[in-house]
Protein backbone atom coordinates (compact mmCIF):
# COMPACT_ATOMS: atom_id res chain seq x y z
CA MET A 1 87.70 84.33 104.71
CA ASP A 2 88.32 84.13 101.00
CA PRO A 3 91.59 82.54 99.80
CA TRP A 4 94.19 84.81 98.10
CA LYS A 5 93.66 85.31 94.48
CA LYS A 6 96.31 85.93 91.81
CA ILE A 7 95.62 89.19 90.08
CA TYR A 8 98.76 89.87 88.13
CA ALA A 9 101.93 88.11 86.80
CA THR A 10 105.02 89.70 85.23
CA ARG A 11 108.65 88.98 84.69
CA ASN A 12 109.68 92.56 85.47
CA PRO A 13 110.57 93.03 89.15
CA ALA A 14 110.24 96.84 88.93
CA GLU A 15 106.68 96.53 87.48
CA ALA A 16 105.64 94.05 90.25
CA SER A 17 107.06 96.43 92.92
CA ILE A 18 105.25 99.45 91.50
CA ILE A 19 101.89 97.63 91.42
CA GLN A 20 102.48 96.30 94.92
CA GLY A 21 103.15 99.81 96.25
CA MET A 22 100.03 101.25 94.54
CA LEU A 23 97.83 98.47 95.98
CA GLU A 24 99.27 98.89 99.47
CA GLU A 25 98.78 102.71 99.28
CA ASN A 26 95.10 101.90 98.77
CA HIS A 27 95.10 99.65 101.94
CA ILE A 28 95.02 96.39 99.93
CA PRO A 29 97.34 93.78 101.31
CA VAL A 30 99.54 92.06 98.72
CA GLN A 31 101.58 88.88 98.70
CA VAL A 32 104.38 88.67 96.17
CA MET A 33 105.44 85.18 94.99
CA ASN A 34 108.70 85.21 92.92
CA LYS A 35 108.73 82.09 90.84
CA GLN A 36 111.64 83.23 88.69
CA ASP A 37 114.62 81.06 88.22
CA SER A 38 117.56 82.56 90.09
CA SER A 39 119.97 81.86 87.25
CA TYR A 40 117.79 82.46 84.28
CA LEU A 41 115.33 85.36 84.84
CA ASN A 42 113.50 84.74 81.65
CA PHE A 43 111.99 81.48 83.25
CA GLY A 44 109.12 81.98 85.69
CA ASP A 45 107.05 84.93 86.73
CA ILE A 46 106.51 87.23 89.72
CA GLU A 47 102.95 86.76 90.91
CA LEU A 48 100.89 89.25 92.93
CA TYR A 49 98.08 87.93 95.20
CA VAL A 50 95.38 89.76 97.09
CA PRO A 51 92.56 88.58 99.40
CA GLY A 52 89.68 87.17 97.30
CA HIS A 53 87.19 89.70 98.59
CA LEU A 54 89.47 92.56 97.41
CA SER A 55 90.35 91.22 94.06
CA GLU A 56 87.78 93.17 92.11
CA THR A 57 88.85 96.49 93.74
CA ALA A 58 92.48 95.66 93.09
CA MET A 59 91.77 94.97 89.47
CA GLN A 60 89.85 98.20 89.04
CA LEU A 61 92.72 100.16 90.63
CA MET A 62 95.26 98.53 88.36
CA ALA A 63 93.14 99.20 85.28
CA THR A 64 92.69 102.85 86.19
CA ASN A 65 96.31 103.44 87.00
CA MET A 66 97.69 101.64 83.98
CA LEU A 67 95.58 103.83 81.66
CA ASN A 68 97.29 106.93 82.99
């Protein structure tokens, strides 16, 4: 099985949540890793990971949905 691959990073928790929901609606499992500092939210990112074999599909879905 392919390892998980990072497909997106943001500092906006709402944006990460929206993308996570969109991917899960399309049956793509998502792992969210929040690397933001708990005191200073401008340090660190929220990273989204998907299984490696689904990374291309996830990237295409994100590109399609972000254009709308």
